[in-house]
N, C-alpha and C. Protein backbone atom coordinates (compact mmCIF):
# COMPACT_ATOMS: atom_id res chain seq x y z
N UNK A 1 0.81 -1.16 0.00
CA UNK A 1 0.00 0.00 0.00
C UNK A 1 0.87 1.25 0.00
N UNK A 2 0.50 2.27 -0.84
CA UNK A 2 1.32 3.48 -0.86
C UNK A 2 1.15 4.28 0.42
N UNK A 3 2.20 4.98 0.72
CA UNK A 3 2.18 5.81 1.92
C UNK A 3 1.35 7.05 1.64
N UNK A 4 0.62 7.49 2.58
CA UNK A 4 -0.15 8.73 2.49
C UNK A 4 0.74 9.89 2.90
N UNK A 5 0.67 10.92 2.13
CA UNK A 5 1.46 12.10 2.47
C UNK A 5 0.75 12.87 3.56
N UNK A 6 1.54 13.42 4.42
CA UNK A 6 0.95 14.20 5.50
C UNK A 6 0.47 15.53 4.94
N UNK A 7 -0.62 16.01 5.49
CA UNK A 7 -1.19 17.27 5.03
C UNK A 7 -0.44 18.47 5.58
N UNK A 8 0.29 18.30 6.62
CA UNK A 8 1.05 19.41 7.19
C UNK A 8 2.46 19.41 6.61
N UNK A 9 2.89 20.56 6.19
CA UNK A 9 4.25 20.68 5.68
C UNK A 9 5.08 21.41 6.71
N UNK A 10 6.28 20.93 6.85
CA UNK A 10 7.17 21.55 7.82
C UNK A 10 7.77 22.82 7.20
N UNK A 11 7.95 23.85 7.99
CA UNK A 11 8.55 25.09 7.46
C UNK A 11 9.97 24.82 6.97
N UNK A 12 10.28 25.35 5.79
CA UNK A 12 11.60 25.10 5.20
C UNK A 12 12.63 26.15 5.60
N UNK A 13 12.21 27.26 6.16
CA UNK A 13 13.16 28.29 6.54
C UNK A 13 13.05 28.54 8.04
N UNK A 14 14.12 29.05 8.56
CA UNK A 14 14.13 29.34 10.00
C UNK A 14 13.41 30.65 10.24
N UNK A 15 12.92 30.80 11.40
CA UNK A 15 12.20 32.02 11.75
C UNK A 15 13.19 33.16 11.92
N UNK A 16 12.80 34.30 11.35
CA UNK A 16 13.64 35.48 11.43
C UNK A 16 13.04 36.45 12.45
N UNK A 17 13.93 37.19 13.03
CA UNK A 17 13.44 38.21 13.94
C UNK A 17 12.97 39.41 13.13
N UNK A 18 12.27 40.28 13.78
CA UNK A 18 11.76 41.47 13.10
C UNK A 18 12.91 42.34 12.60
N UNK A 19 13.98 42.45 13.36
CA UNK A 19 15.13 43.26 12.94
C UNK A 19 15.77 42.69 11.67
N UNK A 20 15.85 41.37 11.58
CA UNK A 20 16.43 40.77 10.38
C UNK A 20 15.54 41.01 9.16
N UNK A 21 14.24 40.92 9.35
CA UNK A 21 13.32 41.20 8.24
C UNK A 21 13.43 42.65 7.79
N UNK A 22 13.51 43.57 8.76
CA UNK A 22 13.65 44.98 8.43
C UNK A 22 14.97 45.25 7.71
N UNK A 23 16.03 44.55 8.12
CA UNK A 23 17.32 44.71 7.45
C UNK A 23 17.24 44.24 6.00
N UNK A 24 16.57 43.12 5.76
CA UNK A 24 16.41 42.63 4.39
C UNK A 24 15.60 43.62 3.54
N UNK A 25 14.54 44.17 4.13
CA UNK A 25 13.72 45.15 3.41
C UNK A 25 14.54 46.40 3.10
N UNK A 26 15.33 46.87 4.05
CA UNK A 26 16.15 48.07 3.83
C UNK A 26 17.19 47.81 2.74
N UNK A 27 17.78 46.63 2.72
CA UNK A 27 18.75 46.29 1.67
C UNK A 27 18.09 46.26 0.30
N UNK A 28 16.90 45.69 0.22
CA UNK A 28 16.17 45.65 -1.06
C UNK A 28 15.83 47.07 -1.53
N UNK A 29 15.42 47.91 -0.61
CA UNK A 29 15.09 49.29 -0.97
C UNK A 29 16.32 50.07 -1.44
N UNK A 30 17.46 49.82 -0.83
CA UNK A 30 18.67 50.54 -1.25
C UNK A 30 19.09 50.08 -2.65
N UNK A 31 18.92 48.79 -2.97
CA UNK A 31 19.21 48.32 -4.32
C UNK A 31 18.26 48.94 -5.34
N UNK A 32 16.99 49.03 -4.98
CA UNK A 32 16.02 49.65 -5.88
C UNK A 32 16.32 51.12 -6.09
N UNK A 33 16.74 51.80 -5.02
CA UNK A 33 17.07 53.22 -5.13
C UNK A 33 18.27 53.43 -6.06
N UNK A 34 19.27 52.59 -5.95
CA UNK A 34 20.45 52.68 -6.81
C UNK A 34 20.05 52.43 -8.27
N UNK A 35 19.19 51.45 -8.50
CA UNK A 35 18.74 51.15 -9.86
C UNK A 35 17.96 52.33 -10.44
N UNK A 36 17.13 52.95 -9.61
CA UNK A 36 16.36 54.10 -10.10
C UNK A 36 17.25 55.29 -10.43
N UNK A 37 18.32 55.49 -9.66
CA UNK A 37 19.25 56.58 -9.96
C UNK A 37 19.94 56.34 -11.29
N UNK A 38 20.36 55.11 -11.54
CA UNK A 38 21.01 54.78 -12.80
C UNK A 38 20.03 54.96 -13.96
N UNK A 39 18.81 54.49 -13.78
CA UNK A 39 17.80 54.61 -14.83
C UNK A 39 17.51 56.08 -15.12
N UNK A 40 17.42 56.91 -14.09
CA UNK A 40 17.16 58.33 -14.29
C UNK A 40 18.32 59.00 -15.02
N UNK A 41 19.54 58.63 -14.68
CA UNK A 41 20.71 59.21 -15.36
C UNK A 41 20.70 58.86 -16.84
N UNK A 42 20.44 57.61 -17.17
CA UNK A 42 20.42 57.20 -18.57
C UNK A 42 19.28 57.87 -19.33
N UNK A 43 18.15 58.04 -18.72
CA UNK A 43 17.03 58.70 -19.40
C UNK A 43 17.36 60.16 -19.68
N UNK A 44 18.08 60.81 -18.78
CA UNK A 44 18.50 62.19 -19.00
C UNK A 44 19.46 62.27 -20.19
N UNK A 45 20.41 61.35 -20.25
CA UNK A 45 21.37 61.33 -21.35
C UNK A 45 20.66 61.06 -22.67
N UNK A 46 19.74 60.11 -22.69
CA UNK A 46 18.99 59.81 -23.90
C UNK A 46 18.15 61.00 -24.35
N UNK A 47 17.59 61.73 -23.40
CA UNK A 47 16.79 62.90 -23.75
C UNK A 47 17.65 63.98 -24.39
N UNK A 48 18.83 64.20 -23.84
CA UNK A 48 19.73 65.20 -24.41
C UNK A 48 20.15 64.80 -25.81
N UNK A 49 20.45 63.53 -26.01
CA UNK A 49 20.85 63.06 -27.34
C UNK A 49 19.70 63.20 -28.33
N UNK A 50 18.49 62.96 -27.90
CA UNK A 50 17.36 63.05 -28.82
C UNK A 50 17.00 64.50 -29.15
N UNK A 51 17.43 65.46 -28.35
CA UNK A 51 17.16 66.87 -28.62
C UNK A 51 18.11 67.43 -29.67
N UNK A 52 19.30 66.86 -29.82
CA UNK A 52 20.31 67.39 -30.74
C UNK A 52 19.81 67.48 -32.18
N UNK A 53 19.18 66.43 -32.77
CA UNK A 53 18.68 66.60 -34.15
C UNK A 53 17.61 67.68 -34.27
N UNK A 54 16.77 67.81 -33.26
CA UNK A 54 15.74 68.85 -33.29
C UNK A 54 16.38 70.24 -33.31
N UNK A 55 17.40 70.44 -32.50
CA UNK A 55 18.10 71.73 -32.49
C UNK A 55 18.78 71.99 -33.83
N UNK A 56 19.33 70.95 -34.47
CA UNK A 56 19.96 71.12 -35.78
C UNK A 56 18.92 71.54 -36.82
N UNK A 57 17.75 70.94 -36.79
CA UNK A 57 16.70 71.30 -37.75
C UNK A 57 16.23 72.73 -37.53
N UNK A 58 16.04 73.11 -36.30
CA UNK A 58 15.60 74.49 -36.00
C UNK A 58 16.68 75.49 -36.40
N UNK A 59 17.94 75.17 -36.11
CA UNK A 59 19.05 76.05 -36.50
C UNK A 59 19.16 76.19 -38.00
N UNK A 60 19.00 75.09 -38.73
CA UNK A 60 19.05 75.15 -40.19
C UNK A 60 17.90 75.97 -40.76
N UNK A 61 16.73 75.82 -40.19
CA UNK A 61 15.57 76.59 -40.66
C UNK A 61 15.79 78.09 -40.41
N UNK A 62 16.31 78.44 -39.24
CA UNK A 62 16.58 79.86 -38.96
C UNK A 62 17.65 80.42 -39.88
N UNK A 63 18.67 79.62 -40.15
CA UNK A 63 19.74 80.08 -41.06
C UNK A 63 19.17 80.32 -42.45
N UNK A 64 18.35 79.40 -42.94
CA UNK A 64 17.74 79.59 -44.26
C UNK A 64 16.79 80.78 -44.27
N UNK A 65 16.13 81.04 -43.17
CA UNK A 65 15.23 82.19 -43.10
C UNK A 65 16.01 83.49 -43.21
N UNK A 66 17.14 83.55 -42.49
CA UNK A 66 17.92 84.78 -42.48
C UNK A 66 18.79 84.94 -43.73
N UNK A 67 19.39 83.86 -44.20
CA UNK A 67 20.37 83.93 -45.30
C UNK A 67 19.85 83.32 -46.60
N UNK A 68 18.58 82.98 -46.67
CA UNK A 68 18.04 82.28 -47.83
C UNK A 68 18.14 83.08 -49.11
N UNK A 69 17.92 84.38 -49.04
CA UNK A 69 18.00 85.22 -50.24
C UNK A 69 19.41 85.23 -50.82
N UNK A 70 20.40 85.38 -49.95
CA UNK A 70 21.79 85.38 -50.42
C UNK A 70 22.15 84.03 -51.05
N UNK A 71 21.76 82.98 -50.42
CA UNK A 71 22.06 81.65 -50.95
C UNK A 71 21.41 81.42 -52.31
N UNK A 72 20.18 81.86 -52.45
CA UNK A 72 19.46 81.69 -53.70
C UNK A 72 20.09 82.53 -54.82
N UNK A 73 20.50 83.74 -54.49
CA UNK A 73 21.16 84.58 -55.49
C UNK A 73 22.49 83.97 -55.92
N UNK A 74 23.26 83.48 -54.97
CA UNK A 74 24.53 82.84 -55.31
C UNK A 74 24.30 81.60 -56.17
N UNK A 75 23.27 80.84 -55.85
CA UNK A 75 22.96 79.64 -56.61
C UNK A 75 22.58 79.98 -58.05
N UNK A 76 21.72 80.97 -58.24
CA UNK A 76 21.30 81.33 -59.60
C UNK A 76 22.45 81.94 -60.38
N UNK A 77 23.30 82.72 -59.72
CA UNK A 77 24.47 83.28 -60.40
C UNK A 77 25.41 82.18 -60.86
N UNK A 78 25.67 81.23 -60.02
CA UNK A 78 26.54 80.11 -60.37
C UNK A 78 25.92 79.28 -61.49
N UNK A 79 24.62 79.09 -61.43
CA UNK A 79 23.93 78.33 -62.46
C UNK A 79 24.01 79.03 -63.82
N UNK A 80 23.84 80.34 -63.81
CA UNK A 80 23.93 81.11 -65.06
C UNK A 80 25.34 81.05 -65.63
N UNK A 81 26.35 81.13 -64.78
CA UNK A 81 27.74 81.03 -65.25
C UNK A 81 28.02 79.66 -65.86
N UNK A 82 27.50 78.63 -65.22
CA UNK A 82 27.71 77.28 -65.75
C UNK A 82 27.05 77.12 -67.12
N UNK A 83 25.87 77.69 -67.28
CA UNK A 83 25.20 77.62 -68.58
C UNK A 83 26.01 78.36 -69.65
N UNK A 84 26.58 79.52 -69.27
CA UNK A 84 27.36 80.29 -70.23
C UNK A 84 28.67 79.58 -70.58
N UNK A 85 29.28 78.92 -69.59
CA UNK A 85 30.54 78.20 -69.84
C UNK A 85 30.31 77.07 -70.82
N UNK A 86 29.23 76.35 -70.67
CA UNK A 86 28.94 75.20 -71.53
C UNK A 86 28.26 75.62 -72.83
N UNK A 87 28.00 76.89 -73.01
CA UNK A 87 27.44 77.38 -74.25
C UNK A 87 25.94 77.17 -74.36
N UNK A 88 25.28 76.91 -73.27
CA UNK A 88 23.84 76.72 -73.31
C UNK A 88 23.15 78.07 -73.16
N UNK A 89 22.02 78.21 -73.76
CA UNK A 89 21.27 79.45 -73.67
C UNK A 89 20.52 79.49 -72.33
N UNK A 90 20.74 80.56 -71.60
CA UNK A 90 20.02 80.70 -70.34
C UNK A 90 18.57 81.05 -70.59
N UNK A 91 18.33 81.78 -71.65
CA UNK A 91 16.96 82.07 -72.03
C UNK A 91 16.31 83.12 -71.15
N UNK A 92 15.13 83.51 -71.56
CA UNK A 92 14.42 84.55 -70.80
C UNK A 92 13.93 84.05 -69.45
N UNK A 93 13.79 82.75 -69.30
CA UNK A 93 13.31 82.23 -68.02
C UNK A 93 14.29 82.52 -66.89
N UNK A 94 15.58 82.30 -67.15
CA UNK A 94 16.58 82.57 -66.13
C UNK A 94 16.70 84.06 -65.85
N UNK A 95 16.54 84.88 -66.89
CA UNK A 95 16.58 86.33 -66.69
C UNK A 95 15.40 86.80 -65.84
N UNK A 96 14.23 86.23 -66.10
CA UNK A 96 13.07 86.57 -65.28
C UNK A 96 13.29 86.15 -63.83
N UNK A 97 13.92 85.01 -63.67
CA UNK A 97 14.18 84.51 -62.31
C UNK A 97 15.16 85.41 -61.58
N UNK A 98 16.18 85.88 -62.29
CA UNK A 98 17.15 86.81 -61.68
C UNK A 98 16.48 88.13 -61.31
N UNK A 99 15.59 88.62 -62.19
CA UNK A 99 14.88 89.86 -61.88
C UNK A 99 13.95 89.68 -60.69
N UNK A 100 13.36 88.50 -60.59
CA UNK A 100 12.47 88.22 -59.46
C UNK A 100 13.22 88.26 -58.14
N UNK A 101 14.47 87.80 -58.14
CA UNK A 101 15.26 87.77 -56.92
C UNK A 101 15.75 89.16 -56.52
N UNK A 102 15.87 90.06 -57.45
CA UNK A 102 16.37 91.40 -57.13
C UNK A 102 15.29 92.26 -56.69
C-alpha cells in the first residue's frame, strides 16, 4: 500500500526576527534606489541626445530664413555662369528669375 502524504508541511526556513526582516527590506530598498538613480541618469542622457537633431533642424531653418535670399542669389548666379561656360542658352526664363530675386 502506498504511503499517504501528510497534510502538514514543515517550514523550510528558519524564523527570522523582526530586525532581520527589516534589514532585508532596507537592503532591497537601497538596491532599488540605486537602480532608479542609474535609470534616471540614462534617461537624461537619452533625452539630451534626442534633442540634438531637433536643435539642428531648428538652427538650419533659422539660417535659411535669415540667409536664404543670399544663398538663392549665389545659386542662380553660379547656375547662369555654368550655362554660359557650356554654351547653353540661359533664355528669358533665367533672366526673369534673376529679376524676381532682385
